[in-house]
PDB file of N, CA and C in Angstrom:
ATOM      1  N   MET A   1     -34.087  32.404  82.011  1.00  0.00           N
ATOM      2  CA  MET A   1     -34.311  33.607  82.771  1.00  0.00           C
ATOM      3  C   MET A   1     -35.788  33.695  83.127  1.00  0.00           C
ATOM      4  N   ARG A   2     -36.048  33.984  84.347  1.00  0.00           N
ATOM      5  CA  ARG A   2     -37.425  34.158  84.797  1.00  0.00           C
ATOM      6  C   ARG A   2     -37.682  35.644  84.936  1.00  0.00           C
ATOM      7  N   ILE A   3     -38.778  36.115  84.338  1.00  0.00           N
ATOM      8  CA  ILE A   3     -39.166  37.523  84.404  1.00  0.00           C
ATOM      9  C   ILE A   3     -40.560  37.593  84.995  1.00  0.00           C
ATOM     10  N   THR A   4     -40.738  38.443  85.980  1.00  0.00           N
ATOM     11  CA  THR A   4     -42.048  38.633  86.596  1.00  0.00           C
ATOM     12  C   THR A   4     -42.563  40.010  86.206  1.00  0.00           C
ATOM     13  N   VAL A   5     -43.814  40.052  85.765  1.00  0.00           N
ATOM     14  CA  VAL A   5     -44.426  41.303  85.337  1.00  0.00           C
ATOM     15  C   VAL A   5     -45.719  41.490  86.103  1.00  0.00           C
ATOM     16  N   ASP A   6     -45.908  42.669  86.677  1.00  0.00           N
ATOM     17  CA  ASP A   6     -47.153  42.996  87.362  1.00  0.00           C
ATOM     18  C   ASP A   6     -48.026  43.811  86.424  1.00  0.00           C
ATOM     19  N   ILE A   7     -49.235  43.304  86.185  1.00  0.00           N
ATOM     20  CA  ILE A   7     -50.192  43.976  85.314  1.00  0.00           C
ATOM     21  C   ILE A   7     -51.472  44.165  86.111  1.00  0.00           C
ATOM     22  N   PRO A   8     -52.024  45.378  86.109  1.00  0.00           N
ATOM     23  CA  PRO A   8     -53.290  45.580  86.826  1.00  0.00           C
ATOM     24  C   PRO A   8     -54.364  44.611  86.334  1.00  0.00           C
ATOM     25  N   ASP A   9     -55.158  44.086  87.268  1.00  0.00           N
ATOM     26  CA  ASP A   9     -56.174  43.083  86.940  1.00  0.00           C
ATOM     27  C   ASP A   9     -57.096  43.526  85.813  1.00  0.00           C
ATOM     28  N   GLU A  10     -57.547  44.778  85.836  1.00  0.00           N
ATOM     29  CA  GLU A  10     -58.499  45.232  84.814  1.00  0.00           C
ATOM     30  C   GLU A  10     -57.870  45.234  83.421  1.00  0.00           C
ATOM     31  N   LEU A  11     -56.577  45.498  83.340  1.00  0.00           N
ATOM     32  CA  LEU A  11     -55.909  45.441  82.037  1.00  0.00           C
ATOM     33  C   LEU A  11     -55.662  43.996  81.609  1.00  0.00           C
ATOM     34  N   ALA A  12     -55.278  43.167  82.548  1.00  0.00           N
ATOM     35  CA  ALA A  12     -55.043  41.755  82.232  1.00  0.00           C
ATOM     36  C   ALA A  12     -56.320  41.095  81.724  1.00  0.00           C
ATOM     37  N   ARG A  13     -57.470  41.446  82.303  1.00  0.00           N
ATOM     38  CA  ARG A  13     -58.748  40.862  81.856  1.00  0.00           C
ATOM     39  C   ARG A  13     -59.068  41.238  80.415  1.00  0.00           C
ATOM     40  N   LYS A  14     -58.567  42.381  79.963  1.00  0.00           N
ATOM     41  CA  LYS A  14     -58.812  42.797  78.575  1.00  0.00           C
ATOM     42  C   LYS A  14     -57.978  41.970  77.593  1.00  0.00           C
ATOM     43  N   VAL A  15     -56.872  41.435  78.068  1.00  0.00           N
ATOM     44  CA  VAL A  15     -55.950  40.707  77.198  1.00  0.00           C
ATOM     45  C   VAL A  15     -56.115  39.199  77.306  1.00  0.00           C
ATOM     46  N   VAL A  16     -56.436  38.714  78.497  1.00  0.00           N
ATOM     47  CA  VAL A  16     -56.475  37.275  78.762  1.00  0.00           C
ATOM     48  C   VAL A  16     -57.904  36.840  79.037  1.00  0.00           C
ATOM     49  N   SER A  17     -58.357  35.809  78.320  1.00  0.00           N
ATOM     50  CA  SER A  17     -59.692  35.267  78.587  1.00  0.00           C
ATOM     51  C   SER A  17     -59.672  34.565  79.948  1.00  0.00           C
ATOM     52  N   PRO A  18     -60.833  34.427  80.588  1.00  0.00           N
ATOM     53  CA  PRO A  18     -60.878  33.821  81.923  1.00  0.00           C
ATOM     54  C   PRO A  18     -60.246  32.428  81.991  1.00  0.00           C
ATOM     55  N   ASP A  19     -60.318  31.676  80.908  1.00  0.00           N
ATOM     56  CA  ASP A  19     -59.754  30.325  80.915  1.00  0.00           C
ATOM     57  C   ASP A  19     -58.350  30.275  80.318  1.00  0.00           C
ATOM     58  N   GLY A  20     -57.791  31.451  79.952  1.00  0.00           N
ATOM     59  CA  GLY A  20     -56.465  31.489  79.342  1.00  0.00           C
ATOM     60  C   GLY A  20     -55.351  31.506  80.375  1.00  0.00           C
ATOM     61  N   ASP A  21     -54.174  31.164  79.919  1.00  0.00           N
ATOM     62  CA  ASP A  21     -52.979  31.171  80.753  1.00  0.00           C
ATOM     63  C   ASP A  21     -52.224  32.469  80.482  1.00  0.00           C
ATOM     64  N   PRO A  22     -52.264  33.427  81.409  1.00  0.00           N
ATOM     65  CA  PRO A  22     -51.641  34.732  81.159  1.00  0.00           C
ATOM     66  C   PRO A  22     -50.153  34.636  80.807  1.00  0.00           C
ATOM     67  N   ALA A  23     -49.420  33.769  81.469  1.00  0.00           N
ATOM     68  CA  ALA A  23     -47.987  33.653  81.193  1.00  0.00           C
ATOM     69  C   ALA A  23     -47.757  33.160  79.762  1.00  0.00           C
ATOM     70  N   ARG A  24     -48.534  32.183  79.321  1.00  0.00           N
ATOM     71  CA  ARG A  24     -48.369  31.643  77.965  1.00  0.00           C
ATOM     72  C   ARG A  24     -48.749  32.693  76.923  1.00  0.00           C
ATOM     73  N   ILE A  25     -49.823  33.422  77.181  1.00  0.00           N
ATOM     74  CA  ILE A  25     -50.267  34.452  76.234  1.00  0.00           C
ATOM     75  C   ILE A  25     -49.198  35.524  76.080  1.00  0.00           C
ATOM     76  N   LEU A  26     -48.629  35.976  77.183  1.00  0.00           N
ATOM     77  CA  LEU A  26     -47.569  36.983  77.109  1.00  0.00           C
ATOM     78  C   LEU A  26     -46.322  36.426  76.414  1.00  0.00           C
ATOM     79  N   LEU A  27     -45.992  35.175  76.683  1.00  0.00           N
ATOM     80  CA  LEU A  27     -44.842  34.545  76.038  1.00  0.00           C
ATOM     81  C   LEU A  27     -45.053  34.452  74.527  1.00  0.00           C
ATOM     82  N   GLU A  28     -46.254  34.046  74.112  1.00  0.00           N
ATOM     83  CA  GLU A  28     -46.550  33.947  72.685  1.00  0.00           C
ATOM     84  C   GLU A  28     -46.532  35.317  72.022  1.00  0.00           C
ATOM     85  N   ASP A  29     -47.105  36.327  72.699  1.00  0.00           N
ATOM     86  CA  ASP A  29     -47.077  37.683  72.143  1.00  0.00           C
ATOM     87  C   ASP A  29     -45.640  38.182  72.000  1.00  0.00           C
ATOM     88  N   PHE A  30     -44.823  37.893  73.001  1.00  0.00           N
ATOM     89  CA  PHE A  30     -43.408  38.264  72.952  1.00  0.00           C
ATOM     90  C   PHE A  30     -42.729  37.585  71.758  1.00  0.00           C
ATOM     91  N   ALA A  31     -43.006  36.308  71.557  1.00  0.00           N
ATOM     92  CA  ALA A  31     -42.398  35.562  70.458  1.00  0.00           C
ATOM     93  C   ALA A  31     -42.823  36.133  69.107  1.00  0.00           C
ATOM     94  N   VAL A  32     -44.111  36.412  68.954  1.00  0.00           N
ATOM     95  CA  VAL A  32     -44.622  36.946  67.687  1.00  0.00           C
ATOM     96  C   VAL A  32     -43.981  38.293  67.374  1.00  0.00           C
ATOM     97  N   GLU A  33     -44.011  39.193  68.326  1.00  0.00           N
ATOM     98  CA  GLU A  33     -43.479  40.529  68.078  1.00  0.00           C
ATOM     99  C   GLU A  33     -41.964  40.519  67.895  1.00  0.00           C
ATOM    100  N   SER A  34     -41.274  39.655  68.610  1.00  0.00           N
ATOM    101  CA  SER A  34     -39.825  39.547  68.444  1.00  0.00           C
ATOM    102  C   SER A  34     -39.481  38.972  67.075  1.00  0.00           C
ATOM    103  N   TYR A  35     -40.293  38.037  66.584  1.00  0.00           N
ATOM    104  CA  TYR A  35     -40.064  37.481  65.254  1.00  0.00           C
ATOM    105  C   TYR A  35     -40.350  38.536  64.189  1.00  0.00           C
ATOM    106  N   ARG A  36     -41.464  39.266  64.350  1.00  0.00           N
ATOM    107  CA  ARG A  36     -41.794  40.330  63.390  1.00  0.00           C
ATOM    108  C   ARG A  36     -40.670  41.361  63.296  1.00  0.00           C
ATOM    109  N   ALA A  37     -40.075  41.687  64.440  1.00  0.00           N
ATOM    110  CA  ALA A  37     -38.999  42.685  64.492  1.00  0.00           C
ATOM    111  C   ALA A  37     -37.651  42.085  64.100  1.00  0.00           C
ATOM    112  N   ARG A  38     -37.655  40.800  63.733  1.00  0.00           N
ATOM    113  CA  ARG A  38     -36.450  40.069  63.339  1.00  0.00           C
ATOM    114  C   ARG A  38     -35.411  39.998  64.459  1.00  0.00           C
ATOM    115  N   LYS A  39     -35.902  39.986  65.691  1.00  0.00           N
ATOM    116  CA  LYS A  39     -35.022  39.812  66.849  1.00  0.00           C
ATOM    117  C   LYS A  39     -34.860  38.333  67.179  1.00  0.00           C
ATOM    118  N   LEU A  40     -35.833  37.517  66.763  1.00  0.00           N
ATOM    119  CA  LEU A  40     -35.769  36.072  66.944  1.00  0.00           C
ATOM    120  C   LEU A  40     -35.920  35.392  65.597  1.00  0.00           C
ATOM    121  N   THR A  41     -35.244  34.284  65.441  1.00  0.00           N
ATOM    122  CA  THR A  41     -35.402  33.470  64.242  1.00  0.00           C
ATOM    123  C   THR A  41     -36.554  32.487  64.461  1.00  0.00           C
ATOM    124  N   MET A  42     -36.945  31.812  63.391  1.00  0.00           N
ATOM    125  CA  MET A  42     -37.991  30.803  63.517  1.00  0.00           C
ATOM    126  C   MET A  42     -37.546  29.694  64.469  1.00  0.00           C
ATOM    127  N   GLU A  43     -36.286  29.317  64.393  1.00  0.00           N
ATOM    128  CA  GLU A  43     -35.763  28.281  65.284  1.00  0.00           C
ATOM    129  C   GLU A  43     -35.810  28.740  66.741  1.00  0.00           C
ATOM    130  N   GLN A  44     -35.505  29.989  66.990  1.00  0.00           N
ATOM    131  CA  GLN A  44     -35.562  30.509  68.360  1.00  0.00           C
ATOM    132  C   GLN A  44     -37.002  30.562  68.869  1.00  0.00           C
ATOM    133  N   VAL A  45     -37.944  30.903  67.996  1.00  0.00           N
ATOM    134  CA  VAL A  45     -39.363  30.880  68.375  1.00  0.00           C
ATOM    135  C   VAL A  45     -39.774  29.452  68.707  1.00  0.00           C
ATOM    136  N   ARG A  46     -39.324  28.499  67.892  1.00  0.00           N
ATOM    137  CA  ARG A  46     -39.636  27.090  68.145  1.00  0.00           C
ATOM    138  C   ARG A  46     -39.147  26.674  69.520  1.00  0.00           C
ATOM    139  N   GLU A  47     -37.916  27.017  69.831  1.00  0.00           N
ATOM    140  CA  GLU A  47     -37.337  26.656  71.126  1.00  0.00           C
ATOM    141  C   GLU A  47     -38.061  27.361  72.274  1.00  0.00           C
ATOM    142  N   LEU A  48     -38.319  28.653  72.114  1.00  0.00           N
ATOM    143  CA  LEU A  48     -38.965  29.440  73.163  1.00  0.00           C
ATOM    144  C   LEU A  48     -40.346  28.902  73.517  1.00  0.00           C
ATOM    145  N   LEU A  49     -41.107  28.504  72.497  1.00  0.00           N
ATOM    146  CA  LEU A  49     -42.485  28.061  72.730  1.00  0.00           C
ATOM    147  C   LEU A  49     -42.612  26.554  72.912  1.00  0.00           C
ATOM    148  N   GLY A  50     -41.499  25.833  72.769  1.00  0.00           N
ATOM    149  CA  GLY A  50     -41.518  24.399  73.012  1.00  0.00           C
ATOM    150  C   GLY A  50     -42.129  23.576  71.901  1.00  0.00           C
ATOM    151  N   PHE A  51     -42.117  24.095  70.671  1.00  0.00           N
ATOM    152  CA  PHE A  51     -42.608  23.328  69.538  1.00  0.00           C
ATOM    153  C   PHE A  51     -41.531  22.342  69.105  1.00  0.00           C
ATOM    154  N   SER A  52     -41.955  21.209  68.570  1.00  0.00           N
ATOM    155  CA  SER A  52     -40.970  20.218  68.150  1.00  0.00           C
ATOM    156  C   SER A  52     -40.611  20.325  66.675  1.00  0.00           C
ATOM    157  N   THR A  53     -41.426  21.014  65.876  1.00  0.00           N
ATOM    158  CA  THR A  53     -41.114  21.115  64.450  1.00  0.00           C
ATOM    159  C   THR A  53     -41.265  22.540  63.947  1.00  0.00           C
ATOM    160  N   ARG A  54     -40.603  22.794  62.843  1.00  0.00           N
ATOM    161  CA  ARG A  54     -40.713  24.095  62.174  1.00  0.00           C
ATOM    162  C   ARG A  54     -42.131  24.304  61.649  1.00  0.00           C
ATOM    163  N   MET A  55     -42.790  23.215  61.253  1.00  0.00           N
ATOM    164  CA  MET A  55     -44.161  23.326  60.746  1.00  0.00           C
ATOM    165  C   MET A  55     -45.105  23.851  61.828  1.00  0.00           C
ATOM    166  N   GLN A  56     -44.881  23.456  63.069  1.00  0.00           N
ATOM    167  CA  GLN A  56     -45.698  23.963  64.170  1.00  0.00           C
ATOM    168  C   GLN A  56     -45.483  25.464  64.341  1.00  0.00           C
ATOM    169  N   VAL A  57     -44.236  25.899  64.204  1.00  0.00           N
ATOM    170  CA  VAL A  57     -43.940  27.331  64.316  1.00  0.00           C
ATOM    171  C   VAL A  57     -44.601  28.084  63.169  1.00  0.00           C
ATOM    172  N   ASP A  58     -44.507  27.540  61.971  1.00  0.00           N
ATOM    173  CA  ASP A  58     -45.112  28.177  60.811  1.00  0.00           C
ATOM    174  C   ASP A  58     -46.623  28.319  61.006  1.00  0.00           C
ATOM    175  N   ALA A  59     -47.280  27.268  61.470  1.00  0.00           N
ATOM    176  CA  ALA A  59     -48.725  27.322  61.724  1.00  0.00           C
ATOM    177  C   ALA A  59     -49.044  28.354  62.808  1.00  0.00           C
ATOM    178  N   PHE A  60     -48.245  28.378  63.870  1.00  0.00           N
ATOM    179  CA  PHE A  60     -48.438  29.342  64.950  1.00  0.00           C
ATOM    180  C   PHE A  60     -48.325  30.774  64.421  1.00  0.00           C
ATOM    181  N   LEU A  61     -47.292  31.033  63.617  1.00  0.00           N
ATOM    182  CA  LEU A  61     -47.100  32.380  63.082  1.00  0.00           C
ATOM    183  C   LEU A  61     -48.239  32.763  62.139  1.00  0.00           C
ATOM    184  N   GLN A  62     -48.711  31.821  61.353  1.00  0.00           N
ATOM    185  CA  GLN A  62     -49.843  32.110  60.469  1.00  0.00           C
ATOM    186  C   GLN A  62     -51.101  32.434  61.267  1.00  0.00           C
ATOM    187  N   GLN A  63     -51.321  31.726  62.376  1.00  0.00           N
ATOM    188  CA  GLN A  63     -52.467  32.022  63.243  1.00  0.00           C
ATOM    189  C   GLN A  63     -52.399  33.454  63.781  1.00  0.00           C
ATOM    190  N   HIS A  64     -51.183  33.962  63.906  1.00  0.00           N
ATOM    191  CA  HIS A  64     -50.989  35.317  64.413  1.00  0.00           C
ATOM    192  C   HIS A  64     -50.735  36.319  63.277  1.00  0.00           C
ATOM    193  N   HIS A  65     -51.089  35.901  62.067  1.00  0.00           N
ATOM    194  CA  HIS A  65     -51.012  36.754  60.876  1.00  0.00           C
ATOM    195  C   HIS A  65     -49.597  37.253  60.594  1.00  0.00           C
ATOM    196  N   VAL A  66     -48.637  36.377  60.790  1.00  0.00           N
ATOM    197  CA  VAL A  66     -47.240  36.678  60.463  1.00  0.00           C
ATOM    198  C   VAL A  66     -46.880  35.817  59.262  1.00  0.00           C
ATOM    199  N   TYR A  67     -46.693  36.471  58.134  1.00  0.00           N
ATOM    200  CA  TYR A  67     -46.349  35.761  56.913  1.00  0.00           C
ATOM    201  C   TYR A  67     -44.990  36.251  56.464  1.00  0.00           C
ATOM    202  N   ASP A  68     -44.099  35.343  56.261  1.00  0.00           N
ATOM    203  CA  ASP A  68     -42.723  35.688  55.921  1.00  0.00           C
ATOM    204  C   ASP A  68     -42.414  35.187  54.521  1.00  0.00           C
ATOM    205  N   TYR A  69     -43.294  35.508  53.584  1.00  0.00           N
ATOM    206  CA  TYR A  69     -43.157  35.049  52.209  1.00  0.00           C
ATOM    207  C   TYR A  69     -43.045  36.284  51.326  1.00  0.00           C
ATOM    208  N   THR A  70     -41.902  36.461  50.709  1.00  0.00           N
ATOM    209  CA  THR A  70     -41.636  37.672  49.950  1.00  0.00           C
ATOM    210  C   THR A  70     -41.871  37.451  48.454  1.00  0.00           C
ATOM    211  N   VAL A  71     -41.841  38.538  47.710  1.00  0.00           N
ATOM    212  CA  VAL A  71     -41.940  38.455  46.257  1.00  0.00           C
ATOM    213  C   VAL A  71     -40.767  37.640  45.710  1.00  0.00           C
ATOM    214  N   ASN A  72     -39.608  37.813  46.313  1.00  0.00           N
ATOM    215  CA  ASN A  72     -38.435  37.033  45.906  1.00  0.00           C
ATOM    216  C   ASN A  72     -38.678  35.536  46.105  1.00  0.00           C
ATOM    217  N   ASP A  73     -39.311  35.179  47.238  1.00  0.00           N
ATOM    218  CA  ASP A  73     -39.659  33.771  47.485  1.00  0.00           C
ATOM    219  C   ASP A  73     -40.602  33.254  46.403  1.00  0.00           C
ATOM    220  N   LEU A  74     -41.581  34.060  46.033  1.00  0.00           N
ATOM    221  CA  LEU A  74     -42.536  33.667  44.996  1.00  0.00           C
ATOM    222  C   LEU A  74     -41.825  33.449  43.662  1.00  0.00           C
ATOM    223  N   GLU A  75     -40.941  34.358  43.307  1.00  0.00           N
ATOM    224  CA  GLU A  75     -40.218  34.230  42.047  1.00  0.00           C
ATOM    225  C   GLU A  75     -39.360  32.962  42.026  1.00  0.00           C
ATOM    226  N   LYS A  76     -38.732  32.651  43.147  1.00  0.00           N
ATOM    227  CA  LYS A  76     -37.942  31.411  43.232  1.00  0.00           C
ATOM    228  C   LYS A  76     -38.843  30.185  43.089  1.00  0.00           C
ATOM    229  N   ASP A  77     -40.004  30.218  43.743  1.00  0.00           N
ATOM    230  CA  ASP A  77     -40.931  29.091  43.648  1.00  0.00           C
ATOM    231  C   ASP A  77     -41.456  28.930  42.226  1.00  0.00           C
ATOM    232  N   LEU A  78     -41.754  30.036  41.554  1.00  0.00           N
ATOM    233  CA  LEU A  78     -42.230  29.957  40.174  1.00  0.00           C
ATOM    234  C   LEU A  78     -41.134  29.427  39.250  1.00  0.00           C
ATOM    235  N   ALA A  79     -39.906  29.836  39.497  1.00  0.00           N
ATOM    236  CA  ALA A  79     -38.787  29.332  38.687  1.00  0.00           C
ATOM    237  C   ALA A  79     -38.612  27.830  38.894  1.00  0.00           C
ATOM    238  N   THR A  80     -38.762  27.380  40.116  1.00  0.00           N
ATOM    239  CA  THR A  80     -38.662  25.942  40.404  1.00  0.00           C
ATOM    240  C   THR A  80     -39.791  25.189  39.704  1.00  0.00           C
ATOM    241  N   LEU A  81     -40.985  25.744  39.760  1.00  0.00           N
ATOM    242  CA  LEU A  81     -42.127  25.122  39.094  1.00  0.00           C
ATOM    243  C   LEU A  81     -41.899  25.052  37.590  1.00  0.00           C
ATOM    244  N   ASP A  82     -41.382  26.144  37.012  1.00  0.00           N
ATOM    245  CA  ASP A  82     -41.050  26.148  35.579  1.00  0.00           C
ATOM    246  C   ASP A  82     -40.056  25.035  35.264  1.00  0.00           C
ATOM    247  N   ARG A  83     -39.038  24.901  36.108  1.00  0.00           N
ATOM    248  CA  ARG A  83     -37.999  23.905  35.878  1.00  0.00           C
ATOM    249  C   ARG A  83     -38.562  22.485  35.974  1.00  0.00           C
ATOM    250  N   LEU A  84     -39.458  22.263  36.932  1.00  0.00           N
ATOM    251  CA  LEU A  84     -39.990  20.921  37.154  1.00  0.00           C
ATOM    252  C   LEU A  84     -41.091  20.540  36.168  1.00  0.00           C
ATOM    253  N   LEU A  85     -41.975  21.483  35.886  1.00  0.00           N
ATOM    254  CA  LEU A  85     -43.135  21.163  35.048  1.00  0.00           C
ATOM    255  C   LEU A  85     -43.079  21.767  33.659  1.00  0.00           C
ATOM    256  N   GLY A  86     -42.218  22.726  33.465  1.00  0.00           N
ATOM    257  CA  GLY A  86     -42.140  23.406  32.177  1.00  0.00           C
ATOM    258  C   GLY A  86     -43.005  24.650  32.186  1.00  0.00           C
ATOM    259  N   PRO A  87     -42.585  25.677  31.472  1.00  0.00           N
ATOM    260  CA  PRO A  87     -43.300  26.951  31.485  1.00  0.00           C
ATOM    261  C   PRO A  87     -44.730  26.871  30.957  1.00  0.00           C
ATOM    262  N   ALA A  88     -45.039  25.909  30.109  1.00  0.00           N
ATOM    263  CA  ALA A  88     -46.382  25.825  29.535  1.00  0.00           C
ATOM    264  C   ALA A  88     -47.408  25.350  30.552  1.00  0.00           C
ATOM    265  N   SER A  89     -46.973  24.809  31.678  1.00  0.00           N
ATOM    266  CA  SER A  89     -47.919  24.264  32.664  1.00  0.00           C
ATOM    267  C   SER A  89     -48.526  25.327  33.545  1.00  0.00           C
ATOM    268  N   GLN A  90     -48.054  26.552  33.461  1.00  0.00           N
ATOM    269  CA  GLN A  90     -48.531  27.624  34.324  1.00  0.00           C
ATOM    270  C   GLN A  90     -49.299  28.660  33.540  1.00  0.00           C
ATOM    271  N   PRO A  91     -50.245  29.319  34.214  1.00  0.00           N
ATOM    272  CA  PRO A  91     -50.896  30.447  33.558  1.00  0.00           C
ATOM    273  C   PRO A  91     -49.891  31.591  33.405  1.00  0.00           C
ATOM    274  N   PRO A  92     -50.142  32.496  32.459  1.00  0.00           N
ATOM    275  CA  PRO A  92     -49.192  33.613  32.267  1.00  0.00           C
ATOM    276  C   PRO A  92     -49.086  34.454  33.530  1.00  0.00           C
ATOM    277  N   ARG A  93     -47.892  34.937  33.787  1.00  0.00           N
ATOM    278  CA  ARG A  93     -47.650  35.826  34.942  1.00  0.00           C
ATOM    279  C   ARG A  93     -48.142  37.213  34.629  1.00  0.00           C
ATOM    280  N   VAL A  94     -48.682  37.842  35.621  1.00  0.00           N
ATOM    281  CA  VAL A  94     -49.203  39.211  35.450  1.00  0.00           C
ATOM    282  C   VAL A  94     -48.170  40.216  35.846  1.00  0.00           C
TER     283      VAL A  94
END
């Protein structure tokens, strides 16, 4: 789907640097905000922005301060670490 948006020049200059690509910037902003709102998945962001790997999407989202790592994720990772290395290998949990 092709969408055309008219933005006044003075407003566009505030958002887009002179050497930036306005269409790409708006597309990336759309992807970031749609992902934050859980309207798009990471795979959909990858497809939308033309990235070839999930790692590229992860790096892109981190650049835009989108972190999708929950306390539950941390607890699972710590449990895996305990299982692999043993509980004595870690500092005490706070």
